[in-house]
C-alpha atoms as a PDB file:
ATOM      1  CA  MET A   1     -21.696   0.847 -36.395  1.00  0.00           C
ATOM      2  CA  GLY A   2     -21.357   0.531 -32.653  1.00  0.00           C
ATOM      3  CA  PRO A   3     -18.406   1.122 -30.380  1.00  0.00           C
ATOM      4  CA  THR A   4     -15.111  -0.461 -31.333  1.00  0.00           C
ATOM      5  CA  GLU A   5     -12.849  -2.566 -29.152  1.00  0.00           C
ATOM      6  CA  ALA A   6     -10.618   0.514 -28.811  1.00  0.00           C
ATOM      7  CA  ASP A   7     -13.621   2.444 -27.438  1.00  0.00           C
ATOM      8  CA  PHE A   8     -14.248  -0.299 -24.867  1.00  0.00           C
ATOM      9  CA  ALA A   9     -10.563  -0.377 -23.912  1.00  0.00           C
ATOM     10  CA  ALA A  10     -10.525   3.402 -23.449  1.00  0.00           C
ATOM     11  CA  ALA A  11     -13.672   3.227 -21.303  1.00  0.00           C
ATOM     12  CA  ARG A  12     -12.145   0.462 -19.159  1.00  0.00           C
ATOM     13  CA  GLN A  13      -8.987   2.520 -18.710  1.00  0.00           C
ATOM     14  CA  GLN A  14     -10.996   5.607 -17.688  1.00  0.00           C
ATOM     15  CA  ASP A  15     -13.023   3.516 -15.258  1.00  0.00           C
ATOM     16  CA  ALA A  16      -9.835   2.079 -13.743  1.00  0.00           C
ATOM     17  CA  GLN A  17      -8.379   5.571 -13.375  1.00  0.00           C
ATOM     18  CA  ARG A  18     -11.548   6.836 -11.656  1.00  0.00           C
ATOM     19  CA  SER A  19     -11.537   3.850  -9.332  1.00  0.00           C
ATOM     20  CA  ALA A  20      -7.849   4.374  -8.492  1.00  0.00           C
ATOM     21  CA  GLN A  21      -8.581   8.032  -7.717  1.00  0.00           C
ATOM     22  CA  GLN A  22     -11.474   7.000  -5.464  1.00  0.00           C
ATOM     23  CA  MET A  23      -9.218   4.519  -3.681  1.00  0.00           C
ATOM     24  CA  GLN A  24      -6.551   7.171  -3.155  1.00  0.00           C
ATOM     25  CA  SER A  25      -9.163   9.594  -1.864  1.00  0.00           C
ATOM     26  CA  THR A  26     -10.496   6.965   0.557  1.00  0.00           C
ATOM     27  CA  ARG A  27      -6.953   6.199   1.729  1.00  0.00           C
ATOM     28  CA  GLU A  28      -6.103   9.852   2.330  1.00  0.00           C
ATOM     29  CA  SER A  29      -9.402  10.604   4.059  1.00  0.00           C
ATOM     30  CA  PHE A  30      -9.289   7.595   6.380  1.00  0.00           C
ATOM     31  CA  GLN A  31      -5.627   8.006   7.246  1.00  0.00           C
ATOM     32  CA  ALA A  32      -6.071  11.725   7.966  1.00  0.00           C
ATOM     33  CA  GLN A  33      -9.047  10.994  10.237  1.00  0.00           C
ATOM     34  CA  VAL A  34      -7.253   8.276  12.200  1.00  0.00           C
ATOM     35  CA  ARG A  35      -3.911  10.125  12.286  1.00  0.00           C
ATOM     36  CA  ALA A  36      -5.664  13.099  13.869  1.00  0.00           C
ATOM     37  CA  THR A  37      -6.515  10.950  16.901  1.00  0.00           C
ATOM     38  CA  SER A  38      -4.200   9.255  19.327  1.00  0.00           C
ATOM     39  CA  LEU A  39      -4.535   6.028  21.218  1.00  0.00           C
ATOM     40  CA  PRO A  40      -6.093   6.435  24.631  1.00  0.00           C
ATOM     41  CA  ALA A  41      -3.859   5.180  27.441  1.00  0.00           C
ATOM     42  CA  ASN A  42      -6.357   2.406  28.211  1.00  0.00           C
ATOM     43  CA  TYR A  43      -6.911   1.310  24.591  1.00  0.00           C
ATOM     44  CA  GLN A  44      -6.237  -2.363  25.359  1.00  0.00           C
ATOM     45  CA  GLN A  45      -8.841  -2.380  28.141  1.00  0.00           C
ATOM     46  CA  LEU A  46     -11.394  -0.724  25.833  1.00  0.00           C
ATOM     47  CA  ILE A  47     -10.787  -3.265  23.077  1.00  0.00           C
ATOM     48  CA  ASP A  48     -10.850  -6.129  25.567  1.00  0.00           C
ATOM     49  CA  ALA A  49     -14.157  -4.910  27.029  1.00  0.00           C
ATOM     50  CA  GLU A  50     -15.699  -4.922  23.550  1.00  0.00           C
ATOM     51  CA  PHE A  51     -14.501  -8.485  22.963  1.00  0.00           C
ATOM     52  CA  VAL A  52     -15.981  -9.539  26.320  1.00  0.00           C
ATOM     53  CA  ALA A  53     -19.307  -7.995  25.307  1.00  0.00           C
ATOM     54  CA  THR A  54     -19.451  -9.659  21.878  1.00  0.00           C
ATOM     55  CA  LEU A  55     -17.729 -13.061  22.042  1.00  0.00           C
ATOM     56  CA  LYS A  56     -19.690 -16.244  22.736  1.00  0.00           C
ATOM     57  CA  ASP A  57     -17.000 -17.452  25.146  1.00  0.00           C
ATOM     58  CA  PRO A  58     -15.163 -14.316  26.263  1.00  0.00           C
ATOM     59  CA  GLU A  59     -13.171 -16.163  28.925  1.00  0.00           C
ATOM     60  CA  SER A  60     -11.386 -18.122  26.189  1.00  0.00           C
ATOM     61  CA  ARG A  61     -10.079 -15.017  24.385  1.00  0.00           C
ATOM     62  CA  LYS A  62      -6.405 -14.758  23.548  1.00  0.00           C
ATOM     63  CA  ILE A  63      -5.570 -11.309  22.214  1.00  0.00           C
ATOM     64  CA  VAL A  64      -2.252 -10.358  20.656  1.00  0.00           C
ATOM     65  CA  TYR A  65      -1.829  -6.648  20.038  1.00  0.00           C
ATOM     66  CA  GLY A  66       0.293  -5.946  17.013  1.00  0.00           C
ATOM     67  CA  ARG A  67       1.003  -2.873  14.992  1.00  0.00           C
ATOM     68  CA  ASN A  68      -0.061   0.700  15.615  1.00  0.00           C
ATOM     69  CA  PRO A  69       0.737   2.011  12.123  1.00  0.00           C
ATOM     70  CA  TYR A  70      -0.432   5.562  12.868  1.00  0.00           C
ATOM     71  CA  GLY A  71      -2.786   7.590  15.002  1.00  0.00           C
ATOM     72  CA  SER A  72      -5.337   5.484  16.809  1.00  0.00           C
ATOM     73  CA  LEU A  73      -5.307   2.476  14.453  1.00  0.00           C
ATOM     74  CA  VAL A  74      -4.487  -0.764  16.273  1.00  0.00           C
ATOM     75  CA  CYS A  75      -3.974  -4.120  14.591  1.00  0.00           C
ATOM     76  CA  GLY A  76      -3.839  -7.503  16.259  1.00  0.00           C
ATOM     77  CA  THR A  77      -5.108 -11.047  16.348  1.00  0.00           C
ATOM     78  CA  LEU A  78      -7.756 -12.797  18.383  1.00  0.00           C
ATOM     79  CA  ASN A  79      -8.220 -16.478  19.103  1.00  0.00           C
ATOM     80  CA  ALA A  80     -11.336 -17.587  20.979  1.00  0.00           C
ATOM     81  CA  ARG A  81     -13.626 -20.566  21.223  1.00  0.00           C
ATOM     82  CA  ASN A  82     -16.588 -20.819  18.900  1.00  0.00           C
ATOM     83  CA  SER A  83     -20.044 -22.281  19.586  1.00  0.00           C
ATOM     84  CA  TYR A  84     -18.656 -25.807  19.276  1.00  0.00           C
ATOM     85  CA  GLY A  85     -15.981 -25.217  21.916  1.00  0.00           C
ATOM     86  CA  GLY A  86     -13.055 -25.258  19.497  1.00  0.00           C
ATOM     87  CA  TYR A  87     -10.638 -22.407  18.994  1.00  0.00           C
ATOM     88  CA  THR A  88     -11.119 -20.471  15.758  1.00  0.00           C
ATOM     89  CA  GLY A  89      -7.421 -19.843  15.175  1.00  0.00           C
ATOM     90  CA  GLN A  90      -5.713 -16.485  15.023  1.00  0.00           C
ATOM     91  CA  GLN A  91      -8.079 -14.030  13.363  1.00  0.00           C
ATOM     92  CA  PRO A  92      -6.855 -10.543  12.562  1.00  0.00           C
ATOM     93  CA  PHE A  93      -8.685  -7.533  13.923  1.00  0.00           C
ATOM     94  CA  HIS A  94      -8.394  -3.779  13.733  1.00  0.00           C
ATOM     95  CA  ALA A  95      -9.682  -1.018  15.950  1.00  0.00           C
ATOM     96  CA  TYR A  96      -9.518   2.734  15.971  1.00  0.00           C
ATOM     97  CA  PHE A  97     -10.747   5.444  18.274  1.00  0.00           C
ATOM     98  CA  THR A  98     -12.505   8.808  18.146  1.00  0.00           C
ATOM     99  CA  ALA A  99     -10.858  12.023  19.267  1.00  0.00           C
ATOM    100  CA  THR A 100     -12.666  11.635  22.604  1.00  0.00           C
ATOM    101  CA  GLY A 101     -11.080   8.217  23.185  1.00  0.00           C
ATOM    102  CA  LYS A 102     -14.115   6.088  22.420  1.00  0.00           C
ATOM    103  CA  LEU A 103     -13.839   2.953  20.327  1.00  0.00           C
ATOM    104  CA  ALA A 104     -14.978   3.989  16.833  1.00  0.00           C
ATOM    105  CA  GLU A 105     -14.667   0.571  15.199  1.00  0.00           C
ATOM    106  CA  LEU A 106     -13.528  -2.922  16.087  1.00  0.00           C
ATOM    107  CA  LEU A 107     -13.667  -5.495  13.318  1.00  0.00           C
ATOM    108  CA  ILE A 108     -12.541  -9.117  13.351  1.00  0.00           C
ATOM    109  CA  TYR A 109     -11.693 -10.739  10.012  1.00  0.00           C
ATOM    110  CA  SER A 110     -12.231 -14.405   9.260  1.00  0.00           C
ATOM    111  CA  PRO A 111      -9.758 -16.035   6.855  1.00  0.00           C
ATOM    112  CA  SER A 112     -12.446 -15.904   4.150  1.00  0.00           C
ATOM    113  CA  ASP A 113     -12.946 -12.159   4.802  1.00  0.00           C
ATOM    114  CA  VAL A 114      -9.242 -11.508   4.245  1.00  0.00           C
ATOM    115  CA  GLU A 115      -9.195 -13.668   1.108  1.00  0.00           C
ATOM    116  CA  GLY A 116     -12.287 -11.935  -0.263  1.00  0.00           C
ATOM    117  CA  ILE A 117     -10.787  -8.501   0.284  1.00  0.00           C
ATOM    118  CA  ARG A 118      -7.496  -9.643  -1.218  1.00  0.00           C
ATOM    119  CA  ALA A 119      -9.299 -11.035  -4.281  1.00  0.00           C
ATOM    120  CA  GLY A 120     -11.351  -7.870  -4.656  1.00  0.00           C
ATOM    121  CA  ARG A 121      -8.234  -5.741  -4.500  1.00  0.00           C
ATOM    122  CA  GLN A 122      -6.528  -7.883  -7.136  1.00  0.00           C
ATOM    123  CA  ARG A 123      -9.503  -7.448  -9.477  1.00  0.00           C
ATOM    124  CA  GLY A 124      -9.129  -3.691  -9.225  1.00  0.00           C
ATOM    125  CA  TYR A 125     -10.323  -0.882  -7.079  1.00  0.00           C
ATOM    126  CA  SER A 126     -13.899  -0.769  -5.899  1.00  0.00           C
ATOM    127  CA  ARG A 127     -16.425   2.028  -6.101  1.00  0.00           C
ATOM    128  CA  ASP A 128     -17.542   1.112  -2.595  1.00  0.00           C
ATOM    129  CA  PRO A 129     -15.787   3.419  -0.091  1.00  0.00           C
ATOM    130  CA  GLU A 130     -16.317   0.968   2.789  1.00  0.00           C
ATOM    131  CA  PHE A 131     -14.573  -1.816   0.858  1.00  0.00           C
ATOM    132  CA  ASN A 132     -11.773   0.586  -0.014  1.00  0.00           C
ATOM    133  CA  LYS A 133     -11.437   1.522   3.663  1.00  0.00           C
ATOM    134  CA  LEU A 134     -11.005  -2.160   4.575  1.00  0.00           C
ATOM    135  CA  VAL A 135      -8.331  -2.529   1.902  1.00  0.00           C
ATOM    136  CA  VAL A 136      -6.491   0.484   3.329  1.00  0.00           C
ATOM    137  CA  ILE A 137      -6.679  -0.865   6.877  1.00  0.00           C
ATOM    138  CA  LEU A 138      -5.558  -4.382   5.940  1.00  0.00           C
ATOM    139  CA  GLU A 139      -2.679  -2.996   3.884  1.00  0.00           C
ATOM    140  CA  ASP A 140      -1.622  -0.666   6.695  1.00  0.00           C
ATOM    141  CA  CYS A 141      -1.800  -3.556   9.166  1.00  0.00           C
ATOM    142  CA  HIS A 142       0.288  -5.660   6.720  1.00  0.00           C
ATOM    143  CA  LEU A 143      -2.433  -8.265   6.357  1.00  0.00           C
ATOM    144  CA  LEU A 144      -2.739  -8.115   2.554  1.00  0.00           C
END
């Protein structure tokens, strides 16, 4: 005889518990890292300079800075023109900085990115620490 349904249920429960522990570990690690740094005085100029360097039409950018939940984490929205000349609509972004005041990460989320992360979170915790980090950030920015 092979494993019973009870064996499968117990294995699923153990897997869910391990995944929840990994998520909590990711949350604590990321938050501790970002809490240990503070926003540089010129954080908006640093973020803006990165948008200028990466956007197809940087002159069209409309940035709204939102929450600073803790440390050097900054949340906001960006609206800019795409390749076709139309505005993309408000897209959330996050940024955080290193202890030396350099931009560590700036990430813009499309609506499908946010929905995909939301759906992944609803299915349960991931074993991928990078995915878990995005969940933490979007939750802390109140985007999920």
